[in-house]
Amino acid sequence: METADGIAFLAGLPRFVEFEGIADFSRYRPLPGGWALALADIVDSTGAIAAGRYKNVNMSGASVITAIVNALGRPDLPFVFGGDGAFLAVPPAGIGAARAALSRVGRWAEAEFGLKMRTALVPVDEIRAAGLDVRVARFQASDDVSYAMFAGGGASWAEARMKEGHYAAGAGDGGPPDLAGLSCRWDPIPARHGKILSVIAVPGPQGADESFQRLLADVVAIAAGEERGGHPVPAAGPGLSLSLRGVDGAPLTRPGRVGRLASRLGIAALTALLIFLRRYGLKLGRFDVRDYARDVSRNTDFRKFDDALKMTLDVDAARLEAIEERLAEAERAGICHFGLHLQDEALMTCIVPSPMSRDHMHFVDGAAGGYAEAASRLKEKLRAGV
C-alpha cells in the first residue's frame, strides 16, 4: 500500500541506463492519487534573456527545486529543471510545505533579481480528470545521480493551466526560502566543437511511442559521433575563475547591504581557494576539487524528457545539420514538432547538499536563451500550424 510520503513509490521507480530507452513510455509508473505537481516559471523570461540576465533566470528556476526539496527534506523528489522554471512531483503529506516554499521563492526571485515568478500547485487527480496522466521514470546519469523523466502529457497540461492563472500557490507567509545547497560558481562553458545547441522536441500527431522512440534514438546516435555524445561540459569539469560573472549570478540570501557584501566576499574567497587547490592538485582534508569537478561533468542533466525531449549539446556544424535534418524530416511526417536555439556558451547551475558526497546535481542550459528560446520557437511553429 502506498504511503502518504511516497517512499515506496519513489523507491520502486524504473531506471534507464541507456538514454534512448526513455521514450519507452510503457515502463513509466503513474504518480499515485493525491499527489500534486509544484510548478514555477519566470514571467517574460524572453525579455530578461534579451537584457542579458539569463544567469539570473536560470538561478531562479533552480531555486524552485532547492526550496521545495529543502522544505520537505526529500532530495528524492522527482523534478525537472527547465531553464526559466521547474516542476516537482509532491506527495500528499508535502503539499502544504511545497505551497509555502513556492510562495517564498517567488518573493525571493523578485527581491533578489527583479524577476516575477508564476507558481502553482496542480493536483494529479485533476490532471487525470482532464484525460491526461503523469508518469515517472528515472535516467541514471551517473553511478551517483539519477534524474526524473516524465511522460503522459500531464506536466505540459499543468504548465499551460499555470500560465492561464489557475492553481496559483498563493501569497503565503513572508519568510525566506531555504536555498541551502544552491550554487552557481562555475564559469560559462564555451563550445569546444562549434555551437551549443538547445533543442526541444515534442511528439506530433503521428508520434506514436515507437516512431518517437526511433527519432530519439536517431538524434542520440548522431550526437554520439561527437566527443562524449555532445556533452557540453568537459570531462575534467567546467572552469573556475574570479570573474564577476560567477559571483553576480550567485544567490545572495543574507539581508541588508552589509550582509550581501559579505556574501559576495565569501563566494569570491571560496572560489579563489578552489582555484588554488585545483591548479596545484591539493586536497582540503578529504575534499579533492579535481575529483569533484569530474563528478560535476558526470552528474550533469544535459539530456532529459518531460513530455518533450530536451537536450543541450556541444556539436560541430555537420552534426548540427544532421540533427536538424532528422528532426525536420520527422516534423514533416507528423512525428514531432521541435525548436532549436544556438549559442556560443553553456551555463551551469548546481544543487550541492554536501561537497563531501558525490550525489550533487548540476543543471546545464544554453547561455544565451537556451531552452527558453528553443521553446519560444517551438510555440511559434505550433501557433502557425507547422
Protein backbone atom coordinates (compact mmCIF):
# COMPACT_ATOMS: atom_id res chain seq x y z
CA MET A 1 0.00 0.00 0.00
CA GLU A 2 1.33 3.43 -0.95
CA THR A 3 2.08 5.73 1.98
CA ALA A 4 1.35 9.45 2.11
CA ASP A 5 5.06 10.28 1.91
CA GLY A 6 5.50 8.20 -1.24
CA ILE A 7 8.64 6.35 -0.13
CA ALA A 8 7.56 3.02 -1.63
CA PHE A 9 6.58 4.63 -4.94
CA LEU A 10 9.82 6.58 -5.30
CA ALA A 11 11.97 3.59 -4.35
CA GLY A 12 10.29 1.46 -6.99
CA LEU A 13 10.65 3.80 -9.98
CA PRO A 14 12.18 2.12 -13.04
CA ARG A 15 15.63 3.35 -14.06
CA PHE A 16 17.01 3.67 -17.57
CA VAL A 17 20.76 3.35 -18.08
CA GLU A 18 20.63 3.95 -21.86
CA PHE A 19 19.16 7.33 -22.68
CA GLU A 20 17.42 6.05 -25.81
CA GLY A 21 15.19 3.91 -23.58
CA ILE A 22 13.43 6.88 -22.02
CA ALA A 23 10.97 7.02 -24.92
CA ASP A 24 9.64 3.58 -23.89
CA PHE A 25 6.71 5.13 -22.06
CA SER A 26 5.29 1.72 -21.09
CA ARG A 27 7.95 1.47 -18.38
CA TYR A 28 6.98 4.72 -16.65
CA ARG A 29 4.92 4.48 -13.46
CA PRO A 30 1.88 6.74 -12.83
CA LEU A 31 2.08 9.08 -9.86
CA PRO A 32 -0.22 7.86 -7.05
CA GLY A 33 -3.53 9.60 -6.49
CA GLY A 34 -3.40 12.57 -4.15
CA TRP A 35 -0.01 13.78 -5.40
CA ALA A 36 0.46 17.22 -6.99
CA LEU A 37 2.81 18.98 -9.36
CA ALA A 38 4.52 22.06 -7.93
CA LEU A 39 5.40 24.37 -10.81
CA ALA A 40 7.01 27.76 -11.36
CA ASP A 41 8.39 29.80 -14.20
CA ILE A 42 9.60 33.32 -14.87
CA VAL A 43 7.15 35.77 -16.43
CA ASP A 44 8.63 37.33 -19.60
CA SER A 45 11.82 35.30 -19.39
CA THR A 46 12.35 36.25 -23.04
CA GLY A 47 12.68 39.90 -22.07
CA ALA A 48 15.07 39.07 -19.23
CA ILE A 49 17.17 36.97 -21.59
CA ALA A 50 17.28 39.78 -24.15
CA ALA A 51 18.57 42.04 -21.36
CA GLY A 52 21.46 39.61 -20.75
CA ARG A 53 20.07 38.23 -17.49
CA TYR A 54 19.80 34.55 -18.32
CA LYS A 55 22.06 33.52 -15.44
CA ASN A 56 19.57 35.15 -13.07
CA VAL A 57 16.73 33.38 -14.88
CA ASN A 58 18.49 30.01 -14.56
CA MET A 59 19.25 30.58 -10.88
CA SER A 60 15.62 31.45 -10.18
CA GLY A 61 14.44 28.30 -11.95
CA ALA A 62 16.80 26.09 -9.95
CA SER A 63 15.81 27.83 -6.71
CA VAL A 64 12.33 26.31 -7.04
CA ILE A 65 13.80 22.81 -6.82
CA THR A 66 16.10 23.70 -3.93
CA ALA A 67 13.39 25.44 -1.91
CA ILE A 68 10.90 22.57 -2.15
CA VAL A 69 13.44 19.79 -1.66
CA ASN A 70 14.74 21.55 1.46
CA ALA A 71 11.27 22.37 2.77
CA LEU A 72 10.21 18.73 2.54
CA GLY A 73 13.62 17.27 3.42
CA ARG A 74 13.24 15.00 0.39
CA PRO A 75 16.12 15.01 -2.12
CA ASP A 76 14.47 12.00 -3.83
CA LEU A 77 11.50 14.02 -5.15
CA PRO A 78 11.11 13.72 -8.94
CA PHE A 79 11.80 17.08 -10.61
CA VAL A 80 12.76 18.70 -13.91
CA PHE A 81 14.74 21.91 -14.41
CA GLY A 82 13.52 23.80 -17.46
CA GLY A 83 15.87 26.78 -17.70
CA ASP A 84 13.38 29.52 -16.81
CA GLY A 85 11.42 27.37 -14.38
CA ALA A 86 11.00 23.92 -12.87
CA PHE A 87 8.43 21.48 -11.56
CA LEU A 88 8.42 18.75 -8.94
CA ALA A 89 6.11 15.87 -8.04
CA VAL A 90 5.00 16.22 -4.42
CA PRO A 91 3.32 13.56 -2.24
CA PRO A 92 0.14 14.42 -0.29
CA ALA A 93 1.98 14.88 3.01
CA GLY A 94 4.23 17.53 1.47
CA ILE A 95 1.76 19.67 -0.47
CA GLY A 96 1.36 22.28 2.27
CA ALA A 97 5.10 22.73 2.70
CA ALA A 98 5.58 22.86 -1.07
CA ARG A 99 2.93 25.58 -1.38
CA ALA A 100 4.70 27.70 1.25
CA ALA A 101 8.08 27.14 -0.40
CA LEU A 102 6.72 28.20 -3.79
CA SER A 103 5.35 31.41 -2.33
CA ARG A 104 8.61 32.20 -0.58
CA VAL A 105 10.83 31.52 -3.57
CA GLY A 106 8.57 33.65 -5.75
CA ARG A 107 9.05 36.63 -3.46
CA TRP A 108 12.78 35.92 -3.24
CA ALA A 109 13.24 35.88 -7.04
CA GLU A 110 11.55 39.26 -7.33
CA ALA A 111 13.54 40.79 -4.45
CA GLU A 112 16.86 39.23 -5.49
CA PHE A 113 16.72 39.60 -9.27
CA GLY A 114 13.63 41.70 -10.03
CA LEU A 115 12.05 38.71 -11.81
CA LYS A 116 8.33 37.98 -11.47
CA MET A 117 7.62 34.29 -10.96
CA ARG A 118 4.41 32.35 -11.58
CA THR A 119 3.78 29.49 -9.16
CA ALA A 120 1.13 26.76 -8.99
CA LEU A 121 0.14 23.52 -7.23
CA VAL A 122 -1.78 21.26 -9.63
CA PRO A 123 -3.43 18.08 -8.24
CA VAL A 124 -2.62 14.97 -10.25
CA ASP A 125 -6.24 13.83 -9.82
CA GLU A 126 -7.42 16.89 -11.76
CA ILE A 127 -4.87 16.22 -14.49
CA ARG A 128 -6.32 12.73 -14.87
CA ALA A 129 -9.84 14.14 -14.89
CA ALA A 130 -8.76 16.14 -17.96
CA GLY A 131 -7.84 12.88 -19.71
CA LEU A 132 -4.05 13.04 -19.25
CA ASP A 133 -1.57 11.41 -16.89
CA VAL A 134 1.70 12.00 -15.07
CA ARG A 135 4.03 9.00 -15.31
CA VAL A 136 7.58 8.93 -13.98
CA ALA A 137 10.83 7.01 -14.50
CA ARG A 138 14.48 7.81 -13.85
CA PHE A 139 17.53 8.07 -16.08
CA GLN A 140 20.80 7.06 -14.41
CA ALA A 141 23.11 9.91 -15.42
CA SER A 142 26.00 8.54 -13.33
CA ASP A 143 26.63 5.98 -10.61
CA ASP A 144 25.60 8.56 -8.00
CA VAL A 145 22.84 10.64 -9.62
CA SER A 146 19.62 9.88 -11.50
CA TYR A 147 17.15 12.38 -12.93
CA ALA A 148 13.39 12.03 -13.20
CA MET A 149 11.75 11.73 -16.62
CA PHE A 150 8.03 12.48 -17.09
CA ALA A 151 5.51 11.28 -19.68
CA GLY A 152 1.74 11.25 -20.14
CA GLY A 153 1.10 14.85 -21.12
CA GLY A 154 0.08 15.92 -17.64
CA ALA A 155 3.07 18.12 -16.90
CA SER A 156 2.53 20.12 -20.09
CA TRP A 157 -1.18 20.50 -19.28
CA ALA A 158 -0.34 21.70 -15.76
CA GLU A 159 2.13 24.26 -17.09
CA ALA A 160 -0.48 25.62 -19.51
CA ARG A 161 -3.05 25.96 -16.71
CA MET A 162 -0.49 27.78 -14.53
CA LYS A 163 0.17 30.28 -17.30
CA GLU A 164 -3.58 30.87 -17.56
CA GLY A 165 -3.63 31.80 -13.88
CA HIS A 166 -5.13 28.61 -12.44
CA TYR A 167 -3.98 26.69 -9.34
CA ALA A 168 -1.86 29.61 -8.07
CA ALA A 169 0.21 28.77 -4.99
CA GLY A 170 -0.86 31.98 -3.25
CA ALA A 171 0.97 34.62 -1.25
CA GLY A 172 1.78 32.60 1.90
CA ASP A 173 3.89 33.98 4.72
CA GLY A 174 6.82 36.34 4.40
CA GLY A 175 9.69 34.07 5.45
CA PRO A 176 12.69 33.50 3.16
CA PRO A 177 13.08 30.22 1.25
CA ASP A 178 15.68 27.69 2.37
CA LEU A 179 18.14 27.69 -0.55
CA ALA A 180 20.94 25.78 1.17
CA GLY A 181 22.99 23.93 -1.44
CA LEU A 182 22.07 26.18 -4.37
CA SER A 183 25.22 27.48 -6.07
CA CYS A 184 26.46 28.91 -9.34
CA ARG A 185 30.22 29.42 -9.15
CA TRP A 186 31.33 27.83 -12.41
CA ASP A 187 32.32 29.94 -15.39
CA PRO A 188 30.20 29.84 -18.55
CA ILE A 189 31.30 26.83 -20.61
CA PRO A 190 32.42 27.70 -24.16
CA ALA A 191 31.57 25.39 -27.05
CA ARG A 192 34.56 23.25 -27.98
CA HIS A 193 33.27 21.77 -31.23
CA GLY A 194 31.18 24.50 -32.82
CA LYS A 195 27.97 25.62 -31.10
CA ILE A 196 25.94 24.89 -28.00
CA LEU A 197 22.64 23.55 -29.30
CA SER A 198 19.46 23.76 -27.23
CA VAL A 199 16.76 21.50 -28.67
CA ILE A 200 13.20 20.69 -27.61
CA ALA A 201 11.11 18.12 -29.49
CA VAL A 202 7.55 17.08 -28.61
CA PRO A 203 5.56 14.17 -30.10
CA GLY A 204 3.40 15.16 -33.05
CA PRO A 205 0.02 13.74 -34.16
CA GLN A 206 1.78 10.72 -35.72
CA GLY A 207 4.28 10.41 -32.88
CA ALA A 208 3.23 7.03 -31.54
CA ASP A 209 5.59 5.65 -28.93
CA GLU A 210 7.59 3.56 -31.40
CA SER A 211 8.09 6.28 -34.02
CA PHE A 212 9.09 8.90 -31.48
CA GLN A 213 11.43 6.42 -29.80
CA ARG A 214 13.13 5.77 -33.16
CA LEU A 215 13.50 9.52 -33.66
CA LEU A 216 15.03 9.95 -30.22
CA ALA A 217 17.44 7.05 -30.86
CA ASP A 218 18.47 8.59 -34.20
CA VAL A 219 19.17 12.01 -32.67
CA VAL A 220 21.19 10.44 -29.85
CA ALA A 221 23.11 8.36 -32.39
CA ILE A 222 24.01 11.46 -34.41
CA ALA A 223 25.21 13.24 -31.28
CA ALA A 224 27.15 10.11 -30.23
CA GLY A 225 29.64 10.79 -33.02
CA GLU A 226 30.76 13.88 -31.11
CA GLU A 227 33.10 13.71 -28.14
CA ARG A 228 31.18 12.19 -25.17
CA GLY A 229 27.93 12.24 -27.13
CA GLY A 230 27.89 16.00 -27.40
CA HIS A 231 28.16 16.52 -23.63
CA PRO A 232 28.72 20.29 -23.25
CA VAL A 233 30.77 20.00 -20.03
CA PRO A 234 34.41 18.83 -20.37
CA ALA A 235 35.23 15.51 -18.68
CA ALA A 236 37.53 17.36 -16.27
CA GLY A 237 34.67 19.66 -15.29
CA PRO A 238 33.88 23.31 -16.05
CA GLY A 239 36.27 26.17 -15.44
CA LEU A 240 36.58 28.37 -12.37
CA SER A 241 37.78 31.95 -12.26
CA LEU A 242 37.35 35.07 -10.14
CA SER A 243 35.23 36.67 -12.85
CA LEU A 244 32.26 38.65 -11.55
CA ARG A 245 30.10 36.66 -13.98
CA GLY A 246 30.12 33.84 -11.44
CA VAL A 247 29.76 35.94 -8.32
CA ASP A 248 26.99 38.13 -9.73
CA GLY A 249 24.84 35.10 -10.55
CA ALA A 250 25.10 33.56 -7.10
CA PRO A 251 22.14 33.65 -4.70
CA LEU A 252 22.72 36.32 -2.05
CA THR A 253 20.21 35.45 0.64
CA ARG A 254 21.70 37.43 3.54
CA PRO A 255 19.65 40.56 4.22
CA GLY A 256 20.92 44.12 4.06
CA ARG A 257 23.70 45.80 2.15
CA VAL A 258 26.41 44.62 4.55
CA GLY A 259 25.10 41.04 4.52
CA ARG A 260 25.03 40.93 0.73
CA LEU A 261 28.54 42.33 0.52
CA ALA A 262 29.69 39.66 2.99
CA SER A 263 28.05 37.00 0.80
CA ARG A 264 29.88 38.24 -2.29
CA LEU A 265 33.21 38.36 -0.48
CA GLY A 266 32.64 34.86 0.89
CA ILE A 267 31.84 33.48 -2.57
CA ALA A 268 34.92 35.15 -4.06
CA ALA A 269 37.16 33.81 -1.26
CA LEU A 270 35.87 30.27 -1.62
CA THR A 271 36.26 30.43 -5.40
CA ALA A 272 39.87 31.62 -5.03
CA LEU A 273 40.60 28.72 -2.67
CA LEU A 274 39.10 26.20 -5.09
CA ILE A 275 41.11 27.63 -7.98
CA PHE A 276 44.32 27.32 -5.94
CA LEU A 277 43.59 23.74 -4.89
CA ARG A 278 42.65 22.70 -8.42
CA ARG A 279 45.68 24.29 -10.05
CA TYR A 280 48.17 22.59 -7.72
CA GLY A 281 46.31 19.31 -7.22
CA LEU A 282 45.95 19.84 -3.48
CA LYS A 283 43.27 18.47 -1.17
CA LEU A 284 41.41 20.14 1.67
CA GLY A 285 41.07 17.26 4.11
CA ARG A 286 39.17 14.57 2.18
CA PHE A 287 37.93 17.06 -0.41
CA ASP A 288 39.64 16.83 -3.82
CA VAL A 289 38.43 19.61 -6.11
CA ARG A 290 39.63 17.78 -9.23
CA ASP A 291 37.57 14.70 -8.39
CA TYR A 292 34.64 16.97 -7.55
CA ALA A 293 34.89 18.75 -10.93
CA ARG A 294 34.91 15.41 -12.76
CA ASP A 295 31.79 14.39 -10.83
CA VAL A 296 30.17 17.67 -11.88
CA SER A 297 30.53 16.63 -15.50
CA ARG A 298 29.24 13.10 -14.88
CA ASN A 299 26.25 14.33 -12.85
CA THR A 300 25.02 16.93 -15.38
CA ASP A 301 21.46 16.75 -16.81
CA PHE A 302 22.33 17.61 -20.44
CA ARG A 303 19.61 15.22 -21.71
CA LYS A 304 16.09 14.75 -20.30
CA PHE A 305 12.43 14.10 -21.09
CA ASP A 306 9.35 15.79 -19.59
CA ASP A 307 6.64 15.27 -22.19
CA ALA A 308 9.34 16.57 -24.56
CA LEU A 309 12.90 15.65 -25.45
CA LYS A 310 15.26 18.35 -24.18
CA MET A 311 18.99 18.35 -24.91
CA THR A 312 21.88 20.79 -24.51
CA LEU A 313 24.65 19.64 -26.84
CA ASP A 314 28.08 20.82 -27.98
CA VAL A 315 28.20 19.81 -31.65
CA ASP A 316 30.06 20.69 -34.83
CA ALA A 317 28.40 22.08 -37.96
CA ALA A 318 27.97 18.69 -39.65
CA ARG A 319 26.24 17.07 -36.68
CA LEU A 320 24.11 20.16 -36.11
CA GLU A 321 22.91 19.95 -39.71
CA ALA A 322 22.24 16.20 -39.40
CA ILE A 323 20.23 16.65 -36.18
CA GLU A 324 18.17 19.47 -37.67
CA GLU A 325 17.52 17.48 -40.88
CA ARG A 326 16.39 14.39 -38.94
CA LEU A 327 14.03 16.48 -36.78
CA ALA A 328 12.68 18.33 -39.82
CA GLU A 329 12.03 15.02 -41.57
CA ALA A 330 10.14 13.76 -38.53
CA GLU A 331 8.20 17.03 -38.30
CA ARG A 332 7.08 16.73 -41.92
CA ALA A 333 5.87 13.19 -41.15
CA GLY A 334 3.90 14.44 -38.11
CA ILE A 335 6.11 12.52 -35.68
CA CYS A 336 7.33 15.60 -33.79
CA HIS A 337 7.43 19.36 -33.53
CA PHE A 338 10.69 20.96 -32.49
CA GLY A 339 12.51 24.18 -31.67
CA LEU A 340 16.25 24.88 -31.80
CA HIS A 341 18.49 27.62 -30.46
CA LEU A 342 22.24 28.13 -30.91
CA GLN A 343 24.74 29.94 -28.72
CA ASP A 344 28.46 30.04 -28.01
CA GLU A 345 28.38 29.01 -24.33
CA ALA A 346 26.51 26.88 -21.81
CA LEU A 347 25.67 27.77 -18.19
CA MET A 348 25.79 25.58 -15.09
CA THR A 349 23.54 25.86 -12.03
CA CYS A 350 24.07 23.45 -9.15
CA ILE A 351 22.44 21.87 -6.11
CA VAL A 352 25.14 20.64 -3.75
CA PRO A 353 23.78 19.44 -0.38
CA SER A 354 27.35 18.49 0.64
CA PRO A 355 30.58 18.74 -1.37
CA MET A 356 31.81 15.68 0.57
CA SER A 357 29.18 13.40 -1.03
CA ARG A 358 29.08 12.53 -4.72
CA ASP A 359 25.34 12.97 -5.32
CA HIS A 360 25.50 16.69 -6.14
CA MET A 361 23.29 17.68 -9.12
CA HIS A 362 24.08 20.05 -11.97
CA PHE A 363 21.73 21.67 -14.48
CA VAL A 364 23.12 22.84 -17.80
CA ASP A 365 21.46 25.18 -20.28
CA GLY A 366 22.50 27.39 -23.16
CA ALA A 367 23.97 30.70 -22.03
CA ALA A 368 22.05 32.91 -24.47
CA GLY A 369 18.46 31.78 -24.15
CA GLY A 370 18.83 28.01 -24.18
CA TYR A 371 15.65 26.07 -23.55
CA ALA A 372 13.55 29.22 -23.18
CA GLU A 373 14.42 30.38 -26.70
CA ALA A 374 14.02 26.87 -28.14
CA ALA A 375 10.58 26.64 -26.50
CA SER A 376 9.64 30.05 -27.92
CA ARG A 377 10.48 28.88 -31.44
CA LEU A 378 8.57 25.66 -30.91
CA LYS A 379 5.50 27.61 -29.79
CA GLU A 380 5.75 29.89 -32.84
CA LYS A 381 5.60 26.80 -35.07
CA LEU A 382 2.63 25.39 -33.20
CA ARG A 383 0.75 28.69 -33.45
CA ALA A 384 1.48 28.81 -37.16
CA GLY A 385 0.26 25.24 -37.60
CA VAL A 386 3.61 23.96 -38.88
